[in-house]
C-alpha atoms as a PDB file:
ATOM      1  CA  UNK A   1      35.196  31.776  95.256  1.00  0.00           C
ATOM      2  CA  UNK A   2      33.974  31.838  91.666  1.00  0.00           C
ATOM      3  CA  UNK A   3      35.952  30.232  88.967  1.00  0.00           C
ATOM      4  CA  UNK A   4      36.443  30.826  85.716  1.00  0.00           C
ATOM      5  CA  UNK A   5      33.758  28.993  83.392  1.00  0.00           C
ATOM      6  CA  UNK A   6      35.114  28.194  79.599  1.00  0.00           C
ATOM      7  CA  UNK A   7      33.360  26.456  77.030  1.00  0.00           C
ATOM      8  CA  UNK A   8      33.923  24.842  73.986  1.00  0.00           C
ATOM      9  CA  UNK A   9      34.267  21.579  71.530  1.00  0.00           C
ATOM     10  CA  UNK A  10      36.289  18.992  70.497  1.00  0.00           C
ATOM     11  CA  UNK A  11      38.573  19.862  67.957  1.00  0.00           C
ATOM     12  CA  UNK A  12      38.313  22.431  65.493  1.00  0.00           C
ATOM     13  CA  UNK A  13      38.585  20.349  62.135  1.00  0.00           C
ATOM     14  CA  UNK A  14      35.232  19.074  60.563  1.00  0.00           C
ATOM     15  CA  UNK A  15      34.142  19.427  57.065  1.00  0.00           C
ATOM     16  CA  UNK A  16      30.475  19.915  58.018  1.00  0.00           C
ATOM     17  CA  UNK A  17      31.259  22.724  60.029  1.00  0.00           C
ATOM     18  CA  UNK A  18      31.932  24.658  56.937  1.00  0.00           C
ATOM     19  CA  UNK A  19      28.799  26.789  55.999  1.00  0.00           C
ATOM     20  CA  UNK A  20      27.429  26.156  59.731  1.00  0.00           C
ATOM     21  CA  UNK A  21      30.066  27.843  62.311  1.00  0.00           C
ATOM     22  CA  UNK A  22      32.751  28.547  59.796  1.00  0.00           C
ATOM     23  CA  UNK A  23      32.286  31.164  56.996  1.00  0.00           C
ATOM     24  CA  UNK A  24      32.129  29.120  53.509  1.00  0.00           C
ATOM     25  CA  UNK A  25      35.224  31.065  52.158  1.00  0.00           C
ATOM     26  CA  UNK A  26      37.278  31.212  55.398  1.00  0.00           C
ATOM     27  CA  UNK A  27      40.947  29.385  54.611  1.00  0.00           C
ATOM     28  CA  UNK A  28      41.104  26.127  56.233  1.00  0.00           C
ATOM     29  CA  UNK A  29      44.363  27.392  57.908  1.00  0.00           C
ATOM     30  CA  UNK A  30      42.369  29.938  59.754  1.00  0.00           C
ATOM     31  CA  UNK A  31      39.725  27.922  61.500  1.00  0.00           C
ATOM     32  CA  UNK A  32      41.505  27.555  64.382  1.00  0.00           C
ATOM     33  CA  UNK A  33      42.100  31.646  64.988  1.00  0.00           C
ATOM     34  CA  UNK A  34      38.120  31.834  64.106  1.00  0.00           C
ATOM     35  CA  UNK A  35      37.039  28.982  66.460  1.00  0.00           C
ATOM     36  CA  UNK A  36      39.251  30.830  69.099  1.00  0.00           C
ATOM     37  CA  UNK A  37      37.383  33.915  68.572  1.00  0.00           C
ATOM     38  CA  UNK A  38      34.055  32.411  69.223  1.00  0.00           C
ATOM     39  CA  UNK A  39      34.772  29.932  72.236  1.00  0.00           C
ATOM     40  CA  UNK A  40      36.706  30.078  75.342  1.00  0.00           C
ATOM     41  CA  UNK A  41      38.510  26.619  75.173  1.00  0.00           C
ATOM     42  CA  UNK A  42      38.930  23.569  72.505  1.00  0.00           C
ATOM     43  CA  UNK A  43      39.698  20.102  73.483  1.00  0.00           C
ATOM     44  CA  UNK A  44      42.735  18.845  71.399  1.00  0.00           C
ATOM     45  CA  UNK A  45      41.498  15.511  70.430  1.00  0.00           C
ATOM     46  CA  UNK A  46      44.517  14.207  67.733  1.00  0.00           C
ATOM     47  CA  UNK A  47      46.610  13.982  70.794  1.00  0.00           C
ATOM     48  CA  UNK A  48      44.752  10.677  71.428  1.00  0.00           C
ATOM     49  CA  UNK A  49      46.048   8.953  68.357  1.00  0.00           C
ATOM     50  CA  UNK A  50      49.276  10.401  67.932  1.00  0.00           C
ATOM     51  CA  UNK A  51      51.658  13.203  68.851  1.00  0.00           C
ATOM     52  CA  UNK A  52      52.977  16.650  68.000  1.00  0.00           C
ATOM     53  CA  UNK A  53      56.155  18.292  67.017  1.00  0.00           C
ATOM     54  CA  UNK A  54      57.122  21.647  68.828  1.00  0.00           C
ATOM     55  CA  UNK A  55      56.411  23.738  66.236  1.00  0.00           C
ATOM     56  CA  UNK A  56      53.320  22.728  66.074  1.00  0.00           C
ATOM     57  CA  UNK A  57      52.113  23.685  69.506  1.00  0.00           C
ATOM     58  CA  UNK A  58      53.779  26.781  68.907  1.00  0.00           C
ATOM     59  CA  UNK A  59      51.361  27.396  65.808  1.00  0.00           C
ATOM     60  CA  UNK A  60      48.503  26.665  68.220  1.00  0.00           C
ATOM     61  CA  UNK A  61      50.136  28.773  71.027  1.00  0.00           C
ATOM     62  CA  UNK A  62      50.342  32.121  68.423  1.00  0.00           C
ATOM     63  CA  UNK A  63      46.778  31.860  66.823  1.00  0.00           C
ATOM     64  CA  UNK A  64      44.685  31.755  69.547  1.00  0.00           C
ATOM     65  CA  UNK A  65      43.626  35.230  72.010  1.00  0.00           C
ATOM     66  CA  UNK A  66      45.918  35.527  75.071  1.00  0.00           C
ATOM     67  CA  UNK A  67      42.932  34.400  77.222  1.00  0.00           C
ATOM     68  CA  UNK A  68      42.191  31.000  75.593  1.00  0.00           C
ATOM     69  CA  UNK A  69      42.836  27.625  76.981  1.00  0.00           C
ATOM     70  CA  UNK A  70      43.372  24.250  75.240  1.00  0.00           C
ATOM     71  CA  UNK A  71      42.517  20.794  76.847  1.00  0.00           C
ATOM     72  CA  UNK A  72      44.602  18.137  76.099  1.00  0.00           C
ATOM     73  CA  UNK A  73      43.417  14.269  75.371  1.00  0.00           C
ATOM     74  CA  UNK A  74      46.714  11.926  76.584  1.00  0.00           C
ATOM     75  CA  UNK A  75      47.714   9.380  74.586  1.00  0.00           C
ATOM     76  CA  UNK A  76      45.609   6.150  74.062  1.00  0.00           C
ATOM     77  CA  UNK A  77      49.010   4.134  74.654  1.00  0.00           C
ATOM     78  CA  UNK A  78      49.127   5.719  78.236  1.00  0.00           C
ATOM     79  CA  UNK A  79      45.221   4.180  79.215  1.00  0.00           C
ATOM     80  CA  UNK A  80      44.333   1.295  76.675  1.00  0.00           C
ATOM     81  CA  UNK A  81      46.525  -1.156  78.682  1.00  0.00           C
ATOM     82  CA  UNK A  82      45.851  -4.094  80.923  1.00  0.00           C
ATOM     83  CA  UNK A  83      48.338  -2.797  83.747  1.00  0.00           C
ATOM     84  CA  UNK A  84      47.822   1.189  84.094  1.00  0.00           C
ATOM     85  CA  UNK A  85      50.935   1.137  86.279  1.00  0.00           C
ATOM     86  CA  UNK A  86      53.320   0.278  83.737  1.00  0.00           C
ATOM     87  CA  UNK A  87      52.494   3.237  81.815  1.00  0.00           C
ATOM     88  CA  UNK A  88      55.689   5.639  82.932  1.00  0.00           C
ATOM     89  CA  UNK A  89      57.182   5.147  79.471  1.00  0.00           C
ATOM     90  CA  UNK A  90      54.338   6.066  77.707  1.00  0.00           C
ATOM     91  CA  UNK A  91      53.072   8.548  79.848  1.00  0.00           C
ATOM     92  CA  UNK A  92      56.675  10.447  79.934  1.00  0.00           C
ATOM     93  CA  UNK A  93      56.728  10.101  76.021  1.00  0.00           C
ATOM     94  CA  UNK A  94      53.338  11.898  75.800  1.00  0.00           C
ATOM     95  CA  UNK A  95      54.170  14.456  78.061  1.00  0.00           C
ATOM     96  CA  UNK A  96      57.497  15.628  76.618  1.00  0.00           C
ATOM     97  CA  UNK A  97      56.190  16.195  73.262  1.00  0.00           C
ATOM     98  CA  UNK A  98      56.030  19.608  73.554  1.00  0.00           C
ATOM     99  CA  UNK A  99      52.716  20.349  75.065  1.00  0.00           C
ATOM    100  CA  UNK A 100      53.978  22.720  77.828  1.00  0.00           C
ATOM    101  CA  UNK A 101      55.063  25.394  75.230  1.00  0.00           C
ATOM    102  CA  UNK A 102      51.089  26.359  75.443  1.00  0.00           C
ATOM    103  CA  UNK A 103      52.203  27.767  78.701  1.00  0.00           C
ATOM    104  CA  UNK A 104      49.421  29.133  80.336  1.00  0.00           C
ATOM    105  CA  UNK A 105      46.953  28.511  77.859  1.00  0.00           C
ATOM    106  CA  UNK A 106      47.153  24.465  78.921  1.00  0.00           C
ATOM    107  CA  UNK A 107      44.295  23.696  80.305  1.00  0.00           C
ATOM    108  CA  UNK A 108      43.420  20.251  81.640  1.00  0.00           C
ATOM    109  CA  UNK A 109      44.926  16.816  80.403  1.00  0.00           C
ATOM    110  CA  UNK A 110      42.013  14.107  79.806  1.00  0.00           C
ATOM    111  CA  UNK A 111      43.085  10.464  80.770  1.00  0.00           C
ATOM    112  CA  UNK A 112      40.492   8.547  78.913  1.00  0.00           C
ATOM    113  CA  UNK A 113      39.664   5.195  79.751  1.00  0.00           C
ATOM    114  CA  UNK A 114      37.946   2.274  77.731  1.00  0.00           C
ATOM    115  CA  UNK A 115      34.524   1.072  79.170  1.00  0.00           C
ATOM    116  CA  UNK A 116      36.038  -2.255  79.504  1.00  0.00           C
ATOM    117  CA  UNK A 117      38.683  -0.921  82.259  1.00  0.00           C
ATOM    118  CA  UNK A 118      37.447  -1.972  85.538  1.00  0.00           C
ATOM    119  CA  UNK A 119      38.424  -0.138  88.832  1.00  0.00           C
ATOM    120  CA  UNK A 120      41.276  -1.834  90.042  1.00  0.00           C
ATOM    121  CA  UNK A 121      42.418   0.685  93.416  1.00  0.00           C
ATOM    122  CA  UNK A 122      45.888  -0.574  93.677  1.00  0.00           C
ATOM    123  CA  UNK A 123      46.723  -0.462  90.029  1.00  0.00           C
ATOM    124  CA  UNK A 124      44.575   2.987  89.273  1.00  0.00           C
ATOM    125  CA  UNK A 125      46.603   4.490  92.391  1.00  0.00           C
ATOM    126  CA  UNK A 126      49.866   3.059  90.523  1.00  0.00           C
ATOM    127  CA  UNK A 127      48.538   4.765  87.676  1.00  0.00           C
ATOM    128  CA  UNK A 128      47.994   8.034  89.558  1.00  0.00           C
ATOM    129  CA  UNK A 129      51.540   8.246  90.924  1.00  0.00           C
ATOM    130  CA  UNK A 130      52.818   8.720  87.468  1.00  0.00           C
ATOM    131  CA  UNK A 131      51.270  11.771  86.871  1.00  0.00           C
ATOM    132  CA  UNK A 132      53.344  14.964  87.733  1.00  0.00           C
ATOM    133  CA  UNK A 133      51.716  17.932  88.844  1.00  0.00           C
ATOM    134  CA  UNK A 134      54.242  20.106  86.608  1.00  0.00           C
ATOM    135  CA  UNK A 135      56.504  20.169  83.993  1.00  0.00           C
ATOM    136  CA  UNK A 136      59.122  22.635  82.743  1.00  0.00           C
ATOM    137  CA  UNK A 137      57.417  25.263  85.190  1.00  0.00           C
ATOM    138  CA  UNK A 138      54.203  24.542  83.750  1.00  0.00           C
ATOM    139  CA  UNK A 139      50.921  23.429  86.078  1.00  0.00           C
ATOM    140  CA  UNK A 140      49.681  20.155  84.849  1.00  0.00           C
ATOM    141  CA  UNK A 141      46.016  19.437  85.785  1.00  0.00           C
ATOM    142  CA  UNK A 142      44.641  16.129  85.315  1.00  0.00           C
ATOM    143  CA  UNK A 143      40.912  14.983  84.413  1.00  0.00           C
ATOM    144  CA  UNK A 144      40.115  11.512  84.550  1.00  0.00           C
ATOM    145  CA  UNK A 145      37.320   9.891  82.339  1.00  0.00           C
ATOM    146  CA  UNK A 146      36.114   6.690  83.200  1.00  0.00           C
ATOM    147  CA  UNK A 147      33.213   4.742  81.598  1.00  0.00           C
ATOM    148  CA  UNK A 148      32.896   1.401  83.743  1.00  0.00           C
ATOM    149  CA  UNK A 149      30.013   1.663  86.570  1.00  0.00           C
ATOM    150  CA  UNK A 150      32.850  -0.114  88.757  1.00  0.00           C
ATOM    151  CA  UNK A 151      34.415   3.453  89.540  1.00  0.00           C
ATOM    152  CA  UNK A 152      31.012   4.674  90.851  1.00  0.00           C
ATOM    153  CA  UNK A 153      32.542   4.028  94.561  1.00  0.00           C
ATOM    154  CA  UNK A 154      33.747   6.154  97.067  1.00  0.00           C
ATOM    155  CA  UNK A 155      37.147   4.542  96.706  1.00  0.00           C
ATOM    156  CA  UNK A 156      37.793   5.727  93.459  1.00  0.00           C
ATOM    157  CA  UNK A 157      36.698   9.117  94.697  1.00  0.00           C
ATOM    158  CA  UNK A 158      39.030   9.123  97.610  1.00  0.00           C
ATOM    159  CA  UNK A 159      41.810   8.489  95.795  1.00  0.00           C
ATOM    160  CA  UNK A 160      41.169  11.243  92.700  1.00  0.00           C
ATOM    161  CA  UNK A 161      40.830  13.625  95.851  1.00  0.00           C
ATOM    162  CA  UNK A 162      44.127  12.158  97.216  1.00  0.00           C
ATOM    163  CA  UNK A 163      46.075  12.938  93.813  1.00  0.00           C
ATOM    164  CA  UNK A 164      43.800  16.083  93.268  1.00  0.00           C
ATOM    165  CA  UNK A 165      42.705  15.300  89.969  1.00  0.00           C
ATOM    166  CA  UNK A 166      39.234  15.805  88.827  1.00  0.00           C
ATOM    167  CA  UNK A 167      36.630  13.251  87.626  1.00  0.00           C
ATOM    168  CA  UNK A 168      35.107  14.178  84.382  1.00  0.00           C
ATOM    169  CA  UNK A 169      31.243  14.379  84.357  1.00  0.00           C
ATOM    170  CA  UNK A 170      30.309  12.912  81.018  1.00  0.00           C
ATOM    171  CA  UNK A 171      26.862  12.720  79.824  1.00  0.00           C
ATOM    172  CA  UNK A 172      26.197  10.574  76.592  1.00  0.00           C
ATOM    173  CA  UNK A 173      22.451   9.534  76.192  1.00  0.00           C
ATOM    174  CA  UNK A 174      23.400   7.113  73.649  1.00  0.00           C
ATOM    175  CA  UNK A 175      25.960   5.292  76.446  1.00  0.00           C
ATOM    176  CA  UNK A 176      23.478   4.759  79.408  1.00  0.00           C
ATOM    177  CA  UNK A 177      25.774   2.261  81.297  1.00  0.00           C
ATOM    178  CA  UNK A 178      28.329   4.763  81.309  1.00  0.00           C
ATOM    179  CA  UNK A 179      28.818   7.009  85.024  1.00  0.00           C
ATOM    180  CA  UNK A 180      27.550  10.312  85.696  1.00  0.00           C
ATOM    181  CA  UNK A 181      30.035  10.944  88.374  1.00  0.00           C
ATOM    182  CA  UNK A 182      29.627  14.575  89.992  1.00  0.00           C
ATOM    183  CA  UNK A 183      32.198  14.376  92.536  1.00  0.00           C
ATOM    184  CA  UNK A 184      34.349  17.401  93.365  1.00  0.00           C
ATOM    185  CA  UNK A 185      38.072  16.049  94.042  1.00  0.00           C
ATOM    186  CA  UNK A 186      39.966  18.903  92.385  1.00  0.00           C
ATOM    187  CA  UNK A 187      40.123  22.381  92.510  1.00  0.00           C
ATOM    188  CA  UNK A 188      38.155  22.443  88.534  1.00  0.00           C
ATOM    189  CA  UNK A 189      35.436  20.439  87.054  1.00  0.00           C
ATOM    190  CA  UNK A 190      35.698  19.028  83.432  1.00  0.00           C
ATOM    191  CA  UNK A 191      32.213  18.378  81.718  1.00  0.00           C
ATOM    192  CA  UNK A 192      31.897  16.615  78.487  1.00  0.00           C
ATOM    193  CA  UNK A 193      28.294  17.087  76.951  1.00  0.00           C
ATOM    194  CA  UNK A 194      27.638  14.344  74.449  1.00  0.00           C
ATOM    195  CA  UNK A 195      23.926  14.813  73.681  1.00  0.00           C
ATOM    196  CA  UNK A 196      23.452  16.962  71.330  1.00  0.00           C
ATOM    197  CA  UNK A 197      21.054  16.885  68.370  1.00  0.00           C
ATOM    198  CA  UNK A 198      20.667  17.578  64.561  1.00  0.00           C
ATOM    199  CA  UNK A 199      16.693  18.676  64.803  1.00  0.00           C
ATOM    200  CA  UNK A 200      17.805  21.376  67.554  1.00  0.00           C
ATOM    201  CA  UNK A 201      19.610  24.633  65.792  1.00  0.00           C
ATOM    202  CA  UNK A 202      21.475  24.988  68.811  1.00  0.00           C
ATOM    203  CA  UNK A 203      22.002  20.705  69.664  1.00  0.00           C
ATOM    204  CA  UNK A 204      19.787  21.638  72.629  1.00  0.00           C
ATOM    205  CA  UNK A 205      16.487  23.052  73.422  1.00  0.00           C
ATOM    206  CA  UNK A 206      16.605  26.555  75.352  1.00  0.00           C
ATOM    207  CA  UNK A 207      14.978  24.717  78.523  1.00  0.00           C
ATOM    208  CA  UNK A 208      18.084  22.317  78.049  1.00  0.00           C
ATOM    209  CA  UNK A 209      20.875  25.102  77.982  1.00  0.00           C
ATOM    210  CA  UNK A 210      19.220  26.767  80.675  1.00  0.00           C
ATOM    211  CA  UNK A 211      19.563  23.914  82.794  1.00  0.00           C
ATOM    212  CA  UNK A 212      23.557  23.088  81.674  1.00  0.00           C
ATOM    213  CA  UNK A 213      24.334  26.912  82.504  1.00  0.00           C
ATOM    214  CA  UNK A 214      22.819  26.797  85.945  1.00  0.00           C
ATOM    215  CA  UNK A 215      24.905  23.364  86.965  1.00  0.00           C
ATOM    216  CA  UNK A 216      27.805  25.124  85.174  1.00  0.00           C
ATOM    217  CA  UNK A 217      27.523  28.150  87.499  1.00  0.00           C
ATOM    218  CA  UNK A 218      27.273  25.855  90.135  1.00  0.00           C
ATOM    219  CA  UNK A 219      30.229  24.087  89.441  1.00  0.00           C
ATOM    220  CA  UNK A 220      32.105  27.764  89.369  1.00  0.00           C
ATOM    221  CA  UNK A 221      31.226  28.237  93.011  1.00  0.00           C
ATOM    222  CA  UNK A 222      34.098  25.159  93.865  1.00  0.00           C
ATOM    223  CA  UNK A 223      36.850  26.361  90.851  1.00  0.00           C
ATOM    224  CA  UNK A 224      37.222  26.510  87.119  1.00  0.00           C
ATOM    225  CA  UNK A 225      35.097  24.965  84.640  1.00  0.00           C
ATOM    226  CA  UNK A 226      35.972  23.519  81.590  1.00  0.00           C
ATOM    227  CA  UNK A 227      32.600  22.496  79.541  1.00  0.00           C
ATOM    228  CA  UNK A 228      32.871  21.161  76.242  1.00  0.00           C
ATOM    229  CA  UNK A 229      30.102  19.942  73.486  1.00  0.00           C
ATOM    230  CA  UNK A 230      31.455  16.829  72.270  1.00  0.00           C
ATOM    231  CA  UNK A 231      29.847  14.036  69.825  1.00  0.00           C
ATOM    232  CA  UNK A 232      26.290  14.000  69.715  1.00  0.00           C
ATOM    233  CA  UNK A 233      25.281  15.843  66.636  1.00  0.00           C
ATOM    234  CA  UNK A 234      28.839  17.256  65.739  1.00  0.00           C
ATOM    235  CA  UNK A 235      27.578  19.604  63.393  1.00  0.00           C
ATOM    236  CA  UNK A 236      25.240  21.307  66.168  1.00  0.00           C
ATOM    237  CA  UNK A 237      28.314  21.523  68.950  1.00  0.00           C
ATOM    238  CA  UNK A 238      29.201  24.826  67.918  1.00  0.00           C
ATOM    239  CA  UNK A 239      26.398  26.482  68.158  1.00  0.00           C
ATOM    240  CA  UNK A 240      25.533  24.836  71.746  1.00  0.00           C
ATOM    241  CA  UNK A 241      28.564  26.340  72.855  1.00  0.00           C
ATOM    242  CA  UNK A 242      28.326  29.614  71.704  1.00  0.00           C
ATOM    243  CA  UNK A 243      24.448  29.434  73.087  1.00  0.00           C
ATOM    244  CA  UNK A 244      25.912  28.257  76.582  1.00  0.00           C
ATOM    245  CA  UNK A 245      28.555  31.052  76.272  1.00  0.00           C
ATOM    246  CA  UNK A 246      25.476  33.428  75.665  1.00  0.00           C
ATOM    247  CA  UNK A 247      23.433  32.327  78.504  1.00  0.00           C
ATOM    248  CA  UNK A 248      26.306  32.708  81.025  1.00  0.00           C
ATOM    249  CA  UNK A 249      26.789  36.296  80.200  1.00  0.00           C
ATOM    250  CA  UNK A 250      23.381  37.213  80.282  1.00  0.00           C
END
């Protein structure tokens, strides 16, 4: 089995991308249309801070190609809490905002936890029990982005497998204490690549991109892949994503 590889960036509104990624005269209203024509996925970050109305989700649906897929960053009110198992109301509110209107364009939901959140197996399983596998007839895929080294344990990996949630493979050279977990716990892989550099036109060297391409192909042997260039030298991330897409096609 070889899965589909999707490569993209975080969000699509960033002023420094104008003239670098977006043409200078492109209307801001057409930025999503343009970005989705060059990339195969985008992680929506705004949902981490606030919810959106159904009309907005429908607008995003209609402005993107048929084979385009969004991932969605879950609300911080779900994950930034002392007791995760008590997040039912926040999880419900997040899932009820209208994201299932994306239908087949809805990719994984990224549940991101702060570095101060340590692994508590009982509480974390209580949280995982709150995550439904479908809503409104749309499949929900869940990815877990953890930033505390306490999650580097087989007990966490086994929990993720039990609930068929992917563990986000996150690389950030500026945060060396964050765990880099590459475990197959679901039928897809979710990667957040946060090491682009401004002095490289494509964010990374050719050798570095070649290594990521090889790693991405290996992940695809076990299912779909969602890989995003996020943070780092943000101005270079669209170029890095496009360079990786080109390498994967060669």
